[in-house]
N, C-alpha and C. Protein backbone atom coordinates (compact mmCIF):
# COMPACT_ATOMS: atom_id res chain seq x y z
N MET A 1 59.34 -45.49 164.80
CA MET A 1 59.53 -45.81 165.73
C MET A 1 59.32 -43.96 166.41
N ALA A 2 58.19 -44.75 167.84
CA ALA A 2 58.14 -43.34 168.16
C ALA A 2 60.04 -42.52 168.68
N GLU A 3 59.56 -40.80 169.21
CA GLU A 3 60.64 -40.12 168.93
C GLU A 3 60.90 -40.11 170.91
N PHE A 4 61.99 -40.15 171.61
CA PHE A 4 61.72 -39.85 172.79
C PHE A 4 63.03 -39.50 173.28
N LYS A 5 63.25 -38.68 174.37
CA LYS A 5 64.37 -37.93 174.83
C LYS A 5 64.93 -38.34 176.08
N TYR A 6 66.38 -38.15 176.24
CA TYR A 6 67.23 -38.55 177.81
C TYR A 6 67.74 -37.49 177.89
N LYS A 7 67.94 -37.31 179.31
CA LYS A 7 69.47 -36.64 179.55
C LYS A 7 69.89 -37.44 180.75
N VAL A 8 71.02 -37.43 180.36
CA VAL A 8 71.91 -38.44 181.82
C VAL A 8 72.17 -37.29 183.17
N THR A 9 72.08 -37.77 183.88
CA THR A 9 72.04 -36.44 185.13
C THR A 9 73.10 -36.69 185.97
N GLN A 10 73.66 -38.07 186.07
CA GLN A 10 74.57 -38.79 186.71
C GLN A 10 75.12 -40.17 186.10
N ILE A 11 76.73 -40.61 185.66
CA ILE A 11 77.05 -41.54 186.16
C ILE A 11 77.50 -41.94 187.14
N HIS A 12 77.32 -43.38 187.59
CA HIS A 12 77.70 -43.61 189.36
C HIS A 12 78.73 -44.75 188.78
N GLY A 13 78.87 -45.16 187.31
CA GLY A 13 79.92 -46.07 186.99
C GLY A 13 80.04 -46.98 186.23
N ARG A 14 81.29 -47.71 185.89
CA ARG A 14 81.23 -49.05 184.67
C ARG A 14 80.97 -50.16 185.50
N LEU A 15 80.08 -51.22 184.81
CA LEU A 15 80.29 -52.16 185.49
C LEU A 15 81.02 -53.55 184.75
N SER A 16 81.10 -53.16 183.36
CA SER A 16 81.66 -53.64 182.32
C SER A 16 82.14 -53.25 181.07
N GLU A 17 83.13 -53.87 180.06
CA GLU A 17 83.45 -53.52 179.25
C GLU A 17 83.48 -54.89 177.77
N SER A 18 82.73 -54.90 176.29
CA SER A 18 82.59 -55.87 175.98
C SER A 18 84.13 -55.73 174.85
N SER A 19 83.85 -56.77 174.21
CA SER A 19 85.00 -57.02 173.42
C SER A 19 85.50 -55.59 172.07
N LYS A 20 83.79 -55.56 171.85
CA LYS A 20 83.57 -54.14 171.04
C LYS A 20 84.25 -52.82 171.53
N GLY A 21 84.18 -52.72 173.06
CA GLY A 21 84.78 -51.26 173.56
C GLY A 21 83.11 -50.47 174.62
N TRP A 22 81.88 -51.53 174.22
CA TRP A 22 80.91 -50.65 174.52
C TRP A 22 80.81 -50.87 175.55
N THR A 23 80.71 -50.24 176.70
CA THR A 23 80.59 -50.20 178.46
C THR A 23 79.14 -50.46 178.63
N LYS A 24 78.67 -51.26 179.73
CA LYS A 24 77.59 -51.41 180.48
C LYS A 24 77.92 -50.28 181.77
N GLU A 25 76.87 -49.67 181.85
CA GLU A 25 77.24 -48.35 183.35
C GLU A 25 75.71 -48.36 184.21
N LEU A 26 75.79 -48.44 184.99
CA LEU A 26 74.87 -47.78 186.15
C LEU A 26 75.23 -45.94 185.70
N ARG A 27 73.55 -45.32 185.57
CA ARG A 27 73.24 -44.46 185.42
C ARG A 27 72.16 -43.66 185.51
N SER A 28 72.26 -42.08 185.94
CA SER A 28 70.60 -41.66 186.31
C SER A 28 70.50 -40.94 184.95
N ILE A 29 69.20 -41.28 184.38
CA ILE A 29 68.64 -40.65 183.47
C ILE A 29 67.40 -40.34 183.78
N SER A 30 66.84 -39.00 182.69
CA SER A 30 65.57 -38.57 183.08
C SER A 30 65.07 -38.49 181.37
N TRP A 31 63.91 -39.49 181.54
CA TRP A 31 63.58 -39.83 180.31
C TRP A 31 62.38 -39.27 179.93
N ASN A 32 62.10 -38.57 178.77
CA ASN A 32 60.92 -37.73 178.34
C ASN A 32 60.91 -36.75 179.07
N ASP A 33 61.44 -35.96 180.07
CA ASP A 33 61.48 -34.47 180.98
C ASP A 33 60.93 -35.28 182.10
N LYS A 34 60.84 -36.74 182.45
CA LYS A 34 60.84 -37.12 183.71
C LYS A 34 61.52 -37.18 184.74
N GLU A 35 61.04 -37.33 186.22
CA GLU A 35 61.68 -37.71 187.29
C GLU A 35 63.26 -38.71 186.37
N ALA A 36 64.91 -38.41 187.09
CA ALA A 36 65.42 -39.07 186.34
C ALA A 36 65.64 -40.32 187.30
N LYS A 37 65.90 -41.79 186.76
CA LYS A 37 65.87 -42.92 187.42
C LYS A 37 67.05 -43.71 186.81
N TYR A 38 67.43 -44.68 187.60
CA TYR A 38 68.40 -45.42 187.77
C TYR A 38 68.55 -46.67 186.50
N ASP A 39 69.47 -46.28 186.18
CA ASP A 39 69.42 -46.88 184.18
C ASP A 39 70.85 -48.00 183.96
N ILE A 40 70.67 -48.89 183.77
CA ILE A 40 71.91 -49.77 183.42
C ILE A 40 71.18 -50.20 182.39
N ARG A 41 72.26 -50.24 181.28
CA ARG A 41 72.57 -50.46 179.66
C ARG A 41 73.89 -50.39 178.89
N GLU A 42 74.32 -50.87 177.55
CA GLU A 42 75.49 -50.62 177.44
C GLU A 42 75.36 -49.37 176.31
N TRP A 43 76.47 -49.15 176.28
CA TRP A 43 76.79 -47.75 175.96
C TRP A 43 77.65 -47.94 174.51
N SER A 44 77.74 -47.23 173.43
CA SER A 44 79.05 -47.05 172.50
C SER A 44 80.15 -46.38 173.37
N LEU A 45 81.24 -45.95 172.15
CA LEU A 45 82.43 -46.05 172.74
C LEU A 45 82.30 -44.92 172.50
N ASP A 46 81.20 -43.64 171.88
CA ASP A 46 81.60 -42.23 171.91
C ASP A 46 80.01 -41.78 172.65
N HIS A 47 79.26 -43.13 173.02
CA HIS A 47 78.38 -42.63 174.12
C HIS A 47 77.03 -42.15 173.45
N GLU A 48 77.02 -41.76 171.64
CA GLU A 48 76.04 -41.75 171.15
C GLU A 48 74.90 -42.52 171.06
N LYS A 49 74.93 -44.02 171.31
CA LYS A 49 74.54 -45.33 170.80
C LYS A 49 74.16 -45.71 171.85
N MET A 50 73.16 -46.21 172.20
CA MET A 50 72.76 -47.20 173.72
C MET A 50 72.24 -48.97 173.12
N GLY A 51 72.41 -49.56 174.04
CA GLY A 51 71.73 -50.72 173.79
C GLY A 51 70.52 -50.56 174.60
N LYS A 52 69.92 -52.18 174.36
CA LYS A 52 68.60 -52.24 175.98
C LYS A 52 69.33 -52.38 176.97
N GLY A 53 68.16 -52.08 177.78
CA GLY A 53 68.87 -51.70 179.52
C GLY A 53 67.40 -52.03 180.29
N VAL A 54 67.61 -51.92 181.36
CA VAL A 54 66.93 -51.37 182.33
C VAL A 54 66.97 -50.70 183.38
N THR A 55 65.20 -50.23 183.35
CA THR A 55 65.66 -48.60 184.17
C THR A 55 64.63 -49.09 185.77
N LEU A 56 65.43 -48.78 186.78
CA LEU A 56 64.51 -48.99 187.89
C LEU A 56 64.54 -47.33 188.90
N SER A 57 63.28 -47.35 189.65
CA SER A 57 63.25 -46.21 190.68
C SER A 57 63.89 -46.72 191.79
N LYS A 58 63.98 -45.64 192.64
CA LYS A 58 64.38 -45.84 193.58
C LYS A 58 64.36 -47.27 194.33
N GLU A 59 63.20 -47.24 194.69
CA GLU A 59 62.80 -48.37 195.71
C GLU A 59 63.39 -49.57 194.30
N GLY A 60 63.30 -49.56 193.39
CA GLY A 60 63.57 -50.83 192.74
C GLY A 60 64.90 -50.72 193.00
N ILE A 61 66.11 -49.83 193.12
CA ILE A 61 67.65 -49.97 193.33
C ILE A 61 67.45 -50.82 194.55
N VAL A 62 66.93 -49.73 195.49
CA VAL A 62 67.33 -50.29 196.92
C VAL A 62 66.87 -52.40 197.17
N THR A 63 65.92 -52.14 196.56
CA THR A 63 65.51 -53.81 196.30
C THR A 63 66.64 -54.59 195.71
N LEU A 64 66.98 -54.49 194.66
CA LEU A 64 68.07 -54.73 193.94
C LEU A 64 69.14 -55.11 194.58
N ARG A 65 69.52 -53.83 195.65
CA ARG A 65 70.90 -53.78 196.95
C ARG A 65 70.57 -54.50 197.43
N ASP A 66 69.33 -54.68 198.16
CA ASP A 66 69.69 -55.63 199.03
C ASP A 66 69.37 -57.72 198.64
N LEU A 67 69.22 -57.26 197.59
CA LEU A 67 68.95 -59.25 196.97
C LEU A 67 70.26 -59.31 196.78
N LEU A 68 71.20 -58.33 195.78
CA LEU A 68 72.58 -58.78 195.79
C LEU A 68 73.37 -58.47 197.54
N ASN A 69 72.83 -58.03 198.25
CA ASN A 69 73.46 -58.16 199.36
C ASN A 69 73.34 -59.68 200.25
N GLY A 70 72.35 -60.20 199.25
CA GLY A 70 71.93 -61.25 200.29
C GLY A 70 72.84 -62.99 199.38
N LEU A 71 73.42 -62.39 198.58
CA LEU A 71 73.93 -63.31 197.76
C LEU A 71 74.95 -63.93 198.14
N GLU A 72 75.46 -65.18 198.50
CA GLU A 72 76.44 -65.93 198.70
C GLU A 72 77.48 -65.35 197.51
N LEU A 73 78.42 -64.71 197.66
CA LEU A 73 79.35 -64.83 195.74
C LEU A 73 80.87 -65.03 196.61
């Protein structure tokens, strides 16, 4: 598997926690020294391991916000 680097630039907040203690969080992450993007994924208790997630640009997160605001919850 190819090596990759990441740097968490900001933790925006926790969305949920699993029964095993992993937390789903919204963070800003710089992948491979590129501009930081918004990232939603699960993290282990020690924040050393991560699960699969989704990474969004600023435009993508704005579109997601607008879609969520339009939902009737």
